[in-house]
Amino acid sequence: MYLTVATKQDIEKAGVDIKQVQFYNSEEIVLARQLSKGELKVAEGKVRIENGKSIEEIIIPANTPGICELNDEKTLKVSFDTGDGKSIPFLVERKGDMATSGSYFKIGAKKWERTARGQQIGKVDYQGQIYNLVRGANSRLMIDKSILNKVDRNTHVAKGRKL
């Protein structure tokens, strides 16, 4: 199920640490950046040559499990891979200027640009580098519905009292 502001509040009210919740991305996310010649050896993602340029791609398939590394009122930074700086921001989706309880957490970017073909490309800080968000601009955070059904029960059976 999609994570909404209300769902996040319900989880927190139940005393569950949001950093202990398993998250998933709703769509495939593809980050890409052009590499300089000196960076070719350092690239961790998949490298491909396109029009004579070296492009590094990071692919996060849909429904990849992730963990929350940063939690504040409007942003959750979720990491789908091990290593420093490998987290992606998900921001509360706004309807106009308002965030409502039904608002989803949608992938965020430092800046959005439109291509000549009208496609939205986001600029995302990942591993200390700026990547283009070439696929997954509408990706939202999801959680396993069973987290909402977790109940901590403290049971005590009385032994009775005799005279």
C-alpha atoms as a PDB file:
ATOM      1  CA  MET A   1       0.000   0.000   0.000  1.00  0.00           C
ATOM      2  CA  TYR A   2       1.152   3.559  -0.647  1.00  0.00           C
ATOM      3  CA  LEU A   3       2.557   5.491   2.295  1.00  0.00           C
ATOM      4  CA  THR A   4       0.510   8.607   3.046  1.00  0.00           C
ATOM      5  CA  VAL A   5       0.959  11.327   5.657  1.00  0.00           C
ATOM      6  CA  ALA A   6      -1.905   9.784   7.677  1.00  0.00           C
ATOM      7  CA  THR A   7      -0.393   6.279   7.471  1.00  0.00           C
ATOM      8  CA  LYS A   8       2.982   7.603   8.628  1.00  0.00           C
ATOM      9  CA  GLN A   9       1.269   9.319  11.585  1.00  0.00           C
ATOM     10  CA  ASP A  10      -0.588   6.086  12.460  1.00  0.00           C
ATOM     11  CA  ILE A  11       2.697   4.153  12.453  1.00  0.00           C
ATOM     12  CA  GLU A  12       4.352   6.753  14.699  1.00  0.00           C
ATOM     13  CA  LYS A  13       1.326   6.874  17.072  1.00  0.00           C
ATOM     14  CA  ALA A  14       1.575   3.087  17.441  1.00  0.00           C
ATOM     15  CA  GLY A  15       5.102   3.621  18.775  1.00  0.00           C
ATOM     16  CA  VAL A  16       6.835   2.067  15.757  1.00  0.00           C
ATOM     17  CA  ASP A  17      10.121   3.727  14.784  1.00  0.00           C
ATOM     18  CA  ILE A  18       9.787   4.698  11.103  1.00  0.00           C
ATOM     19  CA  LYS A  19      13.411   3.611  10.624  1.00  0.00           C
ATOM     20  CA  GLN A  20      12.300   0.051  11.457  1.00  0.00           C
ATOM     21  CA  VAL A  21       9.688   0.003   8.668  1.00  0.00           C
ATOM     22  CA  GLN A  22      10.419  -1.757   5.356  1.00  0.00           C
ATOM     23  CA  PHE A  23       9.780   0.567   2.410  1.00  0.00           C
ATOM     24  CA  TYR A  24       9.410  -0.171  -1.311  1.00  0.00           C
ATOM     25  CA  ASN A  25       9.422   2.012  -4.440  1.00  0.00           C
ATOM     26  CA  SER A  26       6.306   1.873  -6.626  1.00  0.00           C
ATOM     27  CA  GLU A  27       8.096   2.258  -9.999  1.00  0.00           C
ATOM     28  CA  GLU A  28      11.476   1.531 -11.509  1.00  0.00           C
ATOM     29  CA  ILE A  29      13.872   4.403 -10.789  1.00  0.00           C
ATOM     30  CA  VAL A  30      16.744   5.126 -13.178  1.00  0.00           C
ATOM     31  CA  LEU A  31      19.424   7.682 -12.296  1.00  0.00           C
ATOM     32  CA  ALA A  32      22.008   8.612 -14.935  1.00  0.00           C
ATOM     33  CA  ARG A  33      24.947  10.970 -15.249  1.00  0.00           C
ATOM     34  CA  GLN A  34      27.652  11.638 -17.778  1.00  0.00           C
ATOM     35  CA  LEU A  35      31.130  10.584 -16.662  1.00  0.00           C
ATOM     36  CA  SER A  36      34.364  12.404 -17.325  1.00  0.00           C
ATOM     37  CA  LYS A  37      37.289  10.295 -18.576  1.00  0.00           C
ATOM     38  CA  GLY A  38      38.909  10.303 -15.116  1.00  0.00           C
ATOM     39  CA  GLU A  39      35.748   8.954 -13.485  1.00  0.00           C
ATOM     40  CA  LEU A  40      35.373   5.862 -15.666  1.00  0.00           C
ATOM     41  CA  LYS A  41      37.236   3.650 -13.185  1.00  0.00           C
ATOM     42  CA  VAL A  42      35.268   4.868 -10.157  1.00  0.00           C
ATOM     43  CA  ALA A  43      31.744   4.372 -11.444  1.00  0.00           C
ATOM     44  CA  GLU A  44      29.777   1.838  -9.393  1.00  0.00           C
ATOM     45  CA  GLY A  45      26.664   1.631 -11.531  1.00  0.00           C
ATOM     46  CA  LYS A  46      26.253   0.236 -15.003  1.00  0.00           C
ATOM     47  CA  VAL A  47      28.296   2.223 -17.561  1.00  0.00           C
ATOM     48  CA  ARG A  48      27.180   2.506 -21.167  1.00  0.00           C
ATOM     49  CA  ILE A  49      28.467   4.483 -24.129  1.00  0.00           C
ATOM     50  CA  GLU A  50      25.913   6.759 -25.789  1.00  0.00           C
ATOM     51  CA  ASN A  51      26.935   8.997 -28.719  1.00  0.00           C
ATOM     52  CA  GLY A  52      30.574   8.687 -27.658  1.00  0.00           C
ATOM     53  CA  LYS A  53      29.794   9.733 -24.066  1.00  0.00           C
ATOM     54  CA  SER A  54      30.151   7.491 -21.019  1.00  0.00           C
ATOM     55  CA  ILE A  55      26.946   7.350 -18.992  1.00  0.00           C
ATOM     56  CA  GLU A  56      26.674   5.810 -15.513  1.00  0.00           C
ATOM     57  CA  GLU A  57      23.246   4.399 -14.686  1.00  0.00           C
ATOM     58  CA  ILE A  58      21.854   3.365 -11.326  1.00  0.00           C
ATOM     59  CA  ILE A  59      18.757   1.184 -11.734  1.00  0.00           C
ATOM     60  CA  ILE A  60      16.407   0.534  -8.823  1.00  0.00           C
ATOM     61  CA  PRO A  61      13.718  -1.932  -9.962  1.00  0.00           C
ATOM     62  CA  ALA A  62      10.105  -1.438  -8.826  1.00  0.00           C
ATOM     63  CA  ASN A  63       9.335  -2.938  -5.396  1.00  0.00           C
ATOM     64  CA  THR A  64      12.974  -2.874  -4.259  1.00  0.00           C
ATOM     65  CA  PRO A  65      13.131  -2.973  -0.444  1.00  0.00           C
ATOM     66  CA  GLY A  66      14.622   0.107   1.210  1.00  0.00           C
ATOM     67  CA  ILE A  67      15.230   1.540   4.666  1.00  0.00           C
ATOM     68  CA  CYS A  68      14.668   5.046   5.995  1.00  0.00           C
ATOM     69  CA  GLU A  69      17.867   6.931   6.785  1.00  0.00           C
ATOM     70  CA  LEU A  70      16.320  10.343   7.502  1.00  0.00           C
ATOM     71  CA  ASN A  71      12.857  11.184   8.743  1.00  0.00           C
ATOM     72  CA  ASP A  72      11.445  14.651   9.148  1.00  0.00           C
ATOM     73  CA  GLU A  73       7.979  16.103   8.761  1.00  0.00           C
ATOM     74  CA  LYS A  74       8.084  16.548   4.969  1.00  0.00           C
ATOM     75  CA  THR A  75      10.873  14.220   3.799  1.00  0.00           C
ATOM     76  CA  LEU A  76      11.908  10.600   4.084  1.00  0.00           C
ATOM     77  CA  LYS A  77      15.344   9.702   2.708  1.00  0.00           C
ATOM     78  CA  VAL A  78      15.251   6.048   1.733  1.00  0.00           C
ATOM     79  CA  SER A  79      18.250   3.908   0.837  1.00  0.00           C
ATOM     80  CA  PHE A  80      17.792   0.983  -1.560  1.00  0.00           C
ATOM     81  CA  ASP A  81      21.501   0.064  -1.608  1.00  0.00           C
ATOM     82  CA  THR A  82      24.339  -0.187   0.920  1.00  0.00           C
ATOM     83  CA  GLY A  83      26.926   2.589   1.126  1.00  0.00           C
ATOM     84  CA  ASP A  84      27.231   6.240   2.074  1.00  0.00           C
ATOM     85  CA  GLY A  85      25.029   8.768   0.313  1.00  0.00           C
ATOM     86  CA  LYS A  86      22.978   6.143  -1.510  1.00  0.00           C
ATOM     87  CA  SER A  87      19.598   7.459  -0.437  1.00  0.00           C
ATOM     88  CA  ILE A  88      16.798   9.093  -2.390  1.00  0.00           C
ATOM     89  CA  PRO A  89      14.473  11.756  -0.974  1.00  0.00           C
ATOM     90  CA  PHE A  90      10.728  11.184  -1.002  1.00  0.00           C
ATOM     91  CA  LEU A  91       8.731  14.340  -0.293  1.00  0.00           C
ATOM     92  CA  VAL A  92       5.145  14.865   0.788  1.00  0.00           C
ATOM     93  CA  GLU A  93       3.171  15.402  -2.406  1.00  0.00           C
ATOM     94  CA  ARG A  94       1.346  18.730  -2.347  1.00  0.00           C
ATOM     95  CA  LYS A  95      -2.042  19.520  -3.779  1.00  0.00           C
ATOM     96  CA  GLY A  96      -1.626  23.170  -4.673  1.00  0.00           C
ATOM     97  CA  ASP A  97       0.111  24.622  -1.636  1.00  0.00           C
ATOM     98  CA  MET A  98      -1.360  22.122   0.803  1.00  0.00           C
ATOM     99  CA  ALA A  99      -0.189  18.760   2.060  1.00  0.00           C
ATOM    100  CA  THR A 100      -3.175  16.716   3.198  1.00  0.00           C
ATOM    101  CA  SER A 101      -3.381  13.573   5.321  1.00  0.00           C
ATOM    102  CA  GLY A 102      -3.972  11.621   2.095  1.00  0.00           C
ATOM    103  CA  SER A 103      -0.838  13.050   0.450  1.00  0.00           C
ATOM    104  CA  TYR A 104       1.664  10.457  -0.760  1.00  0.00           C
ATOM    105  CA  PHE A 105       5.443  10.466  -0.403  1.00  0.00           C
ATOM    106  CA  LYS A 106       6.711  10.962  -3.965  1.00  0.00           C
ATOM    107  CA  ILE A 107      10.292  10.924  -5.218  1.00  0.00           C
ATOM    108  CA  GLY A 108      11.898  14.341  -4.790  1.00  0.00           C
ATOM    109  CA  ALA A 109      14.577  16.215  -6.679  1.00  0.00           C
ATOM    110  CA  LYS A 110      16.665  19.327  -6.047  1.00  0.00           C
ATOM    111  CA  LYS A 111      15.379  20.756  -9.309  1.00  0.00           C
ATOM    112  CA  TRP A 112      13.001  19.720 -12.113  1.00  0.00           C
ATOM    113  CA  GLU A 113      13.572  20.500 -15.799  1.00  0.00           C
ATOM    114  CA  ARG A 114      11.453  19.799 -18.872  1.00  0.00           C
ATOM    115  CA  THR A 115      13.058  18.276 -21.950  1.00  0.00           C
ATOM    116  CA  ALA A 116      12.213  19.392 -25.487  1.00  0.00           C
ATOM    117  CA  ARG A 117       9.796  16.429 -25.618  1.00  0.00           C
ATOM    118  CA  GLY A 118       8.018  17.568 -22.440  1.00  0.00           C
ATOM    119  CA  GLN A 119       9.485  14.867 -20.192  1.00  0.00           C
ATOM    120  CA  GLN A 120      10.260  15.931 -16.613  1.00  0.00           C
ATOM    121  CA  ILE A 121      13.837  15.237 -15.518  1.00  0.00           C
ATOM    122  CA  GLY A 122      14.774  15.670 -11.871  1.00  0.00           C
ATOM    123  CA  LYS A 123      18.238  16.413 -10.492  1.00  0.00           C
ATOM    124  CA  VAL A 124      18.955  14.054  -7.581  1.00  0.00           C
ATOM    125  CA  ASP A 125      21.943  14.097  -5.216  1.00  0.00           C
ATOM    126  CA  TYR A 126      23.152  10.487  -4.967  1.00  0.00           C
ATOM    127  CA  GLN A 127      26.565   9.475  -3.582  1.00  0.00           C
ATOM    128  CA  GLY A 128      27.617  13.126  -3.565  1.00  0.00           C
ATOM    129  CA  GLN A 129      27.035  13.451  -7.334  1.00  0.00           C
ATOM    130  CA  ILE A 130      24.142  15.008  -9.222  1.00  0.00           C
ATOM    131  CA  TYR A 131      22.237  12.447 -11.295  1.00  0.00           C
ATOM    132  CA  ASN A 132      19.383  12.920 -13.742  1.00  0.00           C
ATOM    133  CA  LEU A 133      16.236  11.084 -12.743  1.00  0.00           C
ATOM    134  CA  VAL A 134      15.468   9.697 -16.203  1.00  0.00           C
ATOM    135  CA  ARG A 135      12.788   7.197 -15.154  1.00  0.00           C
ATOM    136  CA  GLY A 136      10.554   6.973 -12.100  1.00  0.00           C
ATOM    137  CA  ALA A 137       9.596  10.636 -11.653  1.00  0.00           C
ATOM    138  CA  ASN A 138       6.203   9.473 -10.334  1.00  0.00           C
ATOM    139  CA  SER A 139       7.583   6.801  -8.002  1.00  0.00           C
ATOM    140  CA  ARG A 140       5.974   6.767  -4.557  1.00  0.00           C
ATOM    141  CA  LEU A 141       6.896   5.055  -1.315  1.00  0.00           C
ATOM    142  CA  MET A 142       5.019   1.928  -0.357  1.00  0.00           C
ATOM    143  CA  ILE A 143       4.910  -0.176   2.810  1.00  0.00           C
ATOM    144  CA  ASP A 144       3.723  -3.653   3.695  1.00  0.00           C
ATOM    145  CA  LYS A 145       0.165  -3.317   4.999  1.00  0.00           C
ATOM    146  CA  SER A 146       0.859  -5.786   7.827  1.00  0.00           C
ATOM    147  CA  ILE A 147       2.911  -3.118   9.679  1.00  0.00           C
ATOM    148  CA  LEU A 148      -0.388  -1.413  10.540  1.00  0.00           C
ATOM    149  CA  ASN A 149      -1.724  -4.590  12.150  1.00  0.00           C
ATOM    150  CA  LYS A 150       1.194  -5.042  14.547  1.00  0.00           C
ATOM    151  CA  VAL A 151      -0.005  -4.952  18.131  1.00  0.00           C
ATOM    152  CA  ASP A 152       2.230  -5.136  21.178  1.00  0.00           C
ATOM    153  CA  ARG A 153       0.375  -7.134  23.781  1.00  0.00           C
ATOM    154  CA  ASN A 154       1.436  -7.401  27.404  1.00  0.00           C
ATOM    155  CA  THR A 155      -0.586 -10.191  28.991  1.00  0.00           C
ATOM    156  CA  HIS A 156      -0.661 -11.149  32.646  1.00  0.00           C
ATOM    157  CA  VAL A 157      -2.673 -14.058  33.982  1.00  0.00           C
ATOM    158  CA  ALA A 158      -3.813 -13.616  37.571  1.00  0.00           C
ATOM    159  CA  LYS A 159      -2.947 -16.600  39.781  1.00  0.00           C
ATOM    160  CA  GLY A 160      -5.705 -15.928  42.269  1.00  0.00           C
ATOM    161  CA  ARG A 161      -5.488 -15.337  46.022  1.00  0.00           C
ATOM    162  CA  LYS A 162      -6.199 -17.727  48.891  1.00  0.00           C
ATOM    163  CA  LEU A 163      -6.783 -17.119  52.561  1.00  0.00           C
END
